[in-house]
Amino acid sequence: MGLVDVKRVAEFYPTFIFARSTRNGVWWYFPTAILIKTTLGMLALVVVAGWAIASGRLRKGRELAFILIPWIVYLAVAIQQA
C-alpha cells in the first residue's frame, strides 16, 4: 500500500523543492530529500560503511544483501514514480 500511495501522490500533488514547483515530481526529489533530512553523523557513517564494503573489509555478503537490497529497491521505485 505504501508504494501505491507514493505513486498516487506523485500523480496528483505538485512537488516543491529548491523554490521550484513542478506539476509532477522530479526523479531527484527523494535522493535530495534524504541528503537534506539526514544528519551529518549518519551521512558520515554511510560513507565509512561504503568505504568498508568497497575496500573488502566487510565480507558478510548475506547480511549486506539483507540490509541493502530493500533500501535500494525502495529508492529505485520512488525515483521511478517521479
N, C-alpha and C. Protein backbone atom coordinates (compact mmCIF):
# COMPACT_ATOMS: atom_id res chain seq x y z
N MET A 1 0.82 -1.18 0.00
CA MET A 1 0.00 0.00 0.00
C MET A 1 0.87 1.26 0.00
N GLY A 2 2.03 1.19 0.60
CA GLY A 2 2.90 2.37 0.70
C GLY A 2 3.38 2.87 -0.65
N LEU A 3 3.83 1.97 -1.52
CA LEU A 3 4.33 2.39 -2.83
C LEU A 3 3.19 2.86 -3.73
N VAL A 4 2.00 2.29 -3.55
CA VAL A 4 0.83 2.76 -4.30
C VAL A 4 0.52 4.20 -3.90
N ASP A 5 0.62 4.49 -2.62
CA ASP A 5 0.38 5.85 -2.15
C ASP A 5 1.41 6.82 -2.71
N VAL A 6 2.66 6.41 -2.78
CA VAL A 6 3.70 7.27 -3.36
C VAL A 6 3.38 7.59 -4.82
N LYS A 7 2.92 6.60 -5.57
CA LYS A 7 2.58 6.83 -6.98
C LYS A 7 1.39 7.78 -7.11
N ARG A 8 0.37 7.60 -6.28
CA ARG A 8 -0.81 8.48 -6.36
C ARG A 8 -0.45 9.90 -5.98
N VAL A 9 0.37 10.07 -4.98
CA VAL A 9 0.79 11.42 -4.58
C VAL A 9 1.59 12.06 -5.69
N ALA A 10 2.45 11.31 -6.35
CA ALA A 10 3.25 11.86 -7.45
C ALA A 10 2.39 12.27 -8.64
N GLU A 11 1.25 11.62 -8.82
CA GLU A 11 0.39 11.94 -9.95
C GLU A 11 -0.48 13.17 -9.70
N PHE A 12 -0.92 13.39 -8.47
CA PHE A 12 -1.95 14.40 -8.22
C PHE A 12 -1.47 15.63 -7.48
N TYR A 13 -0.40 15.55 -6.75
CA TYR A 13 0.03 16.68 -5.95
C TYR A 13 1.30 17.30 -6.53
N PRO A 14 1.39 18.62 -6.54
CA PRO A 14 2.62 19.25 -7.06
C PRO A 14 3.79 19.04 -6.11
N THR A 15 4.96 19.10 -6.66
CA THR A 15 6.19 18.94 -5.89
C THR A 15 6.87 20.30 -5.76
N PHE A 16 7.34 20.63 -4.58
CA PHE A 16 8.03 21.90 -4.34
C PHE A 16 9.38 21.59 -3.73
N ILE A 17 10.43 21.92 -4.45
CA ILE A 17 11.80 21.71 -3.97
C ILE A 17 12.70 22.78 -4.55
N PHE A 18 13.59 23.32 -3.72
CA PHE A 18 14.53 24.37 -4.10
C PHE A 18 13.83 25.55 -4.76
N ALA A 19 12.76 26.04 -4.14
CA ALA A 19 11.99 27.20 -4.59
C ALA A 19 11.44 27.01 -6.01
N ARG A 20 11.19 25.78 -6.36
CA ARG A 20 10.66 25.46 -7.69
C ARG A 20 9.49 24.50 -7.52
N SER A 21 8.37 24.84 -8.14
CA SER A 21 7.19 23.99 -8.06
C SER A 21 6.96 23.33 -9.41
N THR A 22 6.78 22.02 -9.41
CA THR A 22 6.52 21.29 -10.65
C THR A 22 5.21 20.54 -10.51
N ARG A 23 4.52 20.37 -11.63
CA ARG A 23 3.24 19.66 -11.61
C ARG A 23 3.42 18.20 -11.22
N ASN A 24 4.41 17.56 -11.80
CA ASN A 24 4.76 16.18 -11.45
C ASN A 24 6.08 16.18 -10.72
N GLY A 25 6.37 15.11 -10.04
CA GLY A 25 7.61 15.02 -9.31
C GLY A 25 8.82 14.92 -10.22
N VAL A 26 9.97 15.21 -9.69
CA VAL A 26 11.24 15.08 -10.41
C VAL A 26 11.97 13.87 -9.85
N TRP A 27 12.78 13.22 -10.66
CA TRP A 27 13.42 11.97 -10.23
C TRP A 27 14.39 12.19 -9.08
N TRP A 28 14.93 13.37 -8.94
CA TRP A 28 15.95 13.61 -7.92
C TRP A 28 15.36 14.12 -6.60
N TYR A 29 14.03 14.12 -6.47
CA TYR A 29 13.40 14.62 -5.24
C TYR A 29 13.79 13.77 -4.02
N PHE A 30 13.60 12.45 -4.09
CA PHE A 30 13.87 11.59 -2.93
C PHE A 30 15.36 11.54 -2.55
N PRO A 31 16.29 11.39 -3.51
CA PRO A 31 17.70 11.43 -3.09
C PRO A 31 18.08 12.77 -2.43
N THR A 32 17.54 13.87 -2.96
CA THR A 32 17.83 15.17 -2.38
C THR A 32 17.21 15.31 -0.99
N ALA A 33 15.98 14.85 -0.84
CA ALA A 33 15.32 14.92 0.47
C ALA A 33 16.07 14.08 1.50
N ILE A 34 16.55 12.92 1.09
CA ILE A 34 17.32 12.09 2.02
C ILE A 34 18.60 12.79 2.44
N LEU A 35 19.30 13.42 1.49
CA LEU A 35 20.54 14.12 1.84
C LEU A 35 20.29 15.32 2.74
N ILE A 36 19.20 16.03 2.51
CA ILE A 36 18.90 17.22 3.31
C ILE A 36 18.43 16.83 4.71
N LYS A 37 17.60 15.81 4.83
CA LYS A 37 16.99 15.47 6.12
C LYS A 37 17.85 14.57 7.00
N THR A 38 18.84 13.92 6.43
CA THR A 38 19.69 13.03 7.21
C THR A 38 20.77 13.83 7.92
N THR A 39 21.06 13.45 9.15
CA THR A 39 22.07 14.17 9.92
C THR A 39 23.46 13.94 9.34
N LEU A 40 24.37 14.86 9.66
CA LEU A 40 25.74 14.74 9.15
C LEU A 40 26.44 13.50 9.70
N GLY A 41 26.16 13.13 10.93
CA GLY A 41 26.75 11.93 11.52
C GLY A 41 26.33 10.67 10.78
N MET A 42 25.06 10.59 10.43
CA MET A 42 24.58 9.42 9.69
C MET A 42 25.17 9.38 8.29
N LEU A 43 25.26 10.52 7.64
CA LEU A 43 25.89 10.56 6.31
C LEU A 43 27.35 10.12 6.39
N ALA A 44 28.04 10.53 7.46
CA ALA A 44 29.43 10.11 7.64
C ALA A 44 29.51 8.59 7.84
N LEU A 45 28.58 8.02 8.60
CA LEU A 45 28.57 6.57 8.79
C LEU A 45 28.28 5.83 7.49
N VAL A 46 27.42 6.38 6.65
CA VAL A 46 27.14 5.77 5.35
C VAL A 46 28.40 5.78 4.47
N VAL A 47 29.13 6.89 4.50
CA VAL A 47 30.37 6.98 3.71
C VAL A 47 31.40 5.98 4.23
N VAL A 48 31.56 5.87 5.55
CA VAL A 48 32.51 4.92 6.13
C VAL A 48 32.10 3.48 5.81
N ALA A 49 30.80 3.18 5.89
CA ALA A 49 30.33 1.84 5.56
C ALA A 49 30.56 1.53 4.08
N GLY A 50 30.32 2.51 3.21
CA GLY A 50 30.59 2.33 1.78
C GLY A 50 32.06 2.06 1.53
N TRP A 51 32.92 2.78 2.24
CA TRP A 51 34.36 2.56 2.10
C TRP A 51 34.74 1.16 2.59
N ALA A 52 34.14 0.72 3.70
CA ALA A 52 34.45 -0.61 4.24
C ALA A 52 34.00 -1.71 3.27
N ILE A 53 32.86 -1.51 2.63
CA ILE A 53 32.37 -2.50 1.66
C ILE A 53 33.27 -2.52 0.44
N ALA A 54 33.60 -1.33 -0.08
CA ALA A 54 34.41 -1.24 -1.30
C ALA A 54 35.83 -1.75 -1.10
N SER A 55 36.39 -1.55 0.09
CA SER A 55 37.77 -1.97 0.34
C SER A 55 37.87 -3.46 0.70
N GLY A 56 36.74 -4.11 0.93
CA GLY A 56 36.76 -5.53 1.24
C GLY A 56 36.91 -5.83 2.72
N ARG A 57 36.86 -4.83 3.56
CA ARG A 57 37.00 -5.06 5.00
C ARG A 57 35.73 -5.67 5.60
N LEU A 58 34.63 -5.53 4.91
CA LEU A 58 33.37 -6.10 5.35
C LEU A 58 33.02 -7.23 4.40
N ARG A 59 33.05 -8.45 4.87
CA ARG A 59 32.91 -9.60 3.98
C ARG A 59 31.61 -10.38 4.19
N LYS A 60 30.71 -9.88 4.92
CA LYS A 60 29.48 -10.60 5.20
C LYS A 60 28.43 -10.27 4.14
N GLY A 61 28.48 -10.98 3.02
CA GLY A 61 27.62 -10.70 1.88
C GLY A 61 26.14 -10.89 2.16
N ARG A 62 25.81 -11.93 2.90
CA ARG A 62 24.40 -12.21 3.18
C ARG A 62 23.78 -11.09 4.02
N GLU A 63 24.49 -10.65 5.02
CA GLU A 63 23.98 -9.59 5.89
C GLU A 63 23.89 -8.27 5.13
N LEU A 64 24.87 -7.99 4.29
CA LEU A 64 24.83 -6.76 3.48
C LEU A 64 23.66 -6.78 2.51
N ALA A 65 23.42 -7.91 1.89
CA ALA A 65 22.29 -8.02 0.97
C ALA A 65 20.97 -7.82 1.71
N PHE A 66 20.85 -8.38 2.90
CA PHE A 66 19.64 -8.25 3.71
C PHE A 66 19.36 -6.79 4.04
N ILE A 67 20.40 -6.00 4.24
CA ILE A 67 20.23 -4.59 4.60
C ILE A 67 20.09 -3.72 3.35
N LEU A 68 20.90 -3.95 2.34
CA LEU A 68 20.95 -3.04 1.20
C LEU A 68 19.87 -3.25 0.15
N ILE A 69 19.48 -4.48 -0.13
CA ILE A 69 18.53 -4.74 -1.22
C ILE A 69 17.18 -4.05 -0.98
N PRO A 70 16.55 -4.15 0.19
CA PRO A 70 15.28 -3.44 0.37
C PRO A 70 15.41 -1.93 0.21
N TRP A 71 16.49 -1.36 0.73
CA TRP A 71 16.71 0.08 0.63
C TRP A 71 16.88 0.50 -0.83
N ILE A 72 17.65 -0.25 -1.58
CA ILE A 72 17.89 0.08 -2.99
C ILE A 72 16.61 -0.08 -3.81
N VAL A 73 15.85 -1.12 -3.55
CA VAL A 73 14.59 -1.33 -4.29
C VAL A 73 13.61 -0.20 -3.99
N TYR A 74 13.46 0.17 -2.74
CA TYR A 74 12.53 1.25 -2.37
C TYR A 74 12.95 2.57 -3.03
N LEU A 75 14.23 2.88 -2.98
CA LEU A 75 14.70 4.13 -3.59
C LEU A 75 14.52 4.10 -5.10
N ALA A 76 14.77 2.98 -5.74
CA ALA A 76 14.58 2.87 -7.20
C ALA A 76 13.12 3.06 -7.58
N VAL A 77 12.21 2.47 -6.82
CA VAL A 77 10.78 2.62 -7.12
C VAL A 77 10.34 4.07 -6.87
N ALA A 78 10.81 4.68 -5.80
CA ALA A 78 10.43 6.06 -5.51
C ALA A 78 10.95 7.02 -6.59
N ILE A 79 12.15 6.79 -7.09
CA ILE A 79 12.71 7.64 -8.15
C ILE A 79 11.95 7.42 -9.44
N GLN A 80 11.59 6.19 -9.74
CA GLN A 80 10.89 5.88 -10.98
C GLN A 80 9.50 6.49 -11.01
N GLN A 81 8.84 6.63 -9.88
CA GLN A 81 7.48 7.16 -9.83
C GLN A 81 7.43 8.64 -10.16
N ALA A 82 8.52 9.35 -10.05
CA ALA A 82 8.52 10.79 -10.29
C ALA A 82 8.44 11.15 -11.71
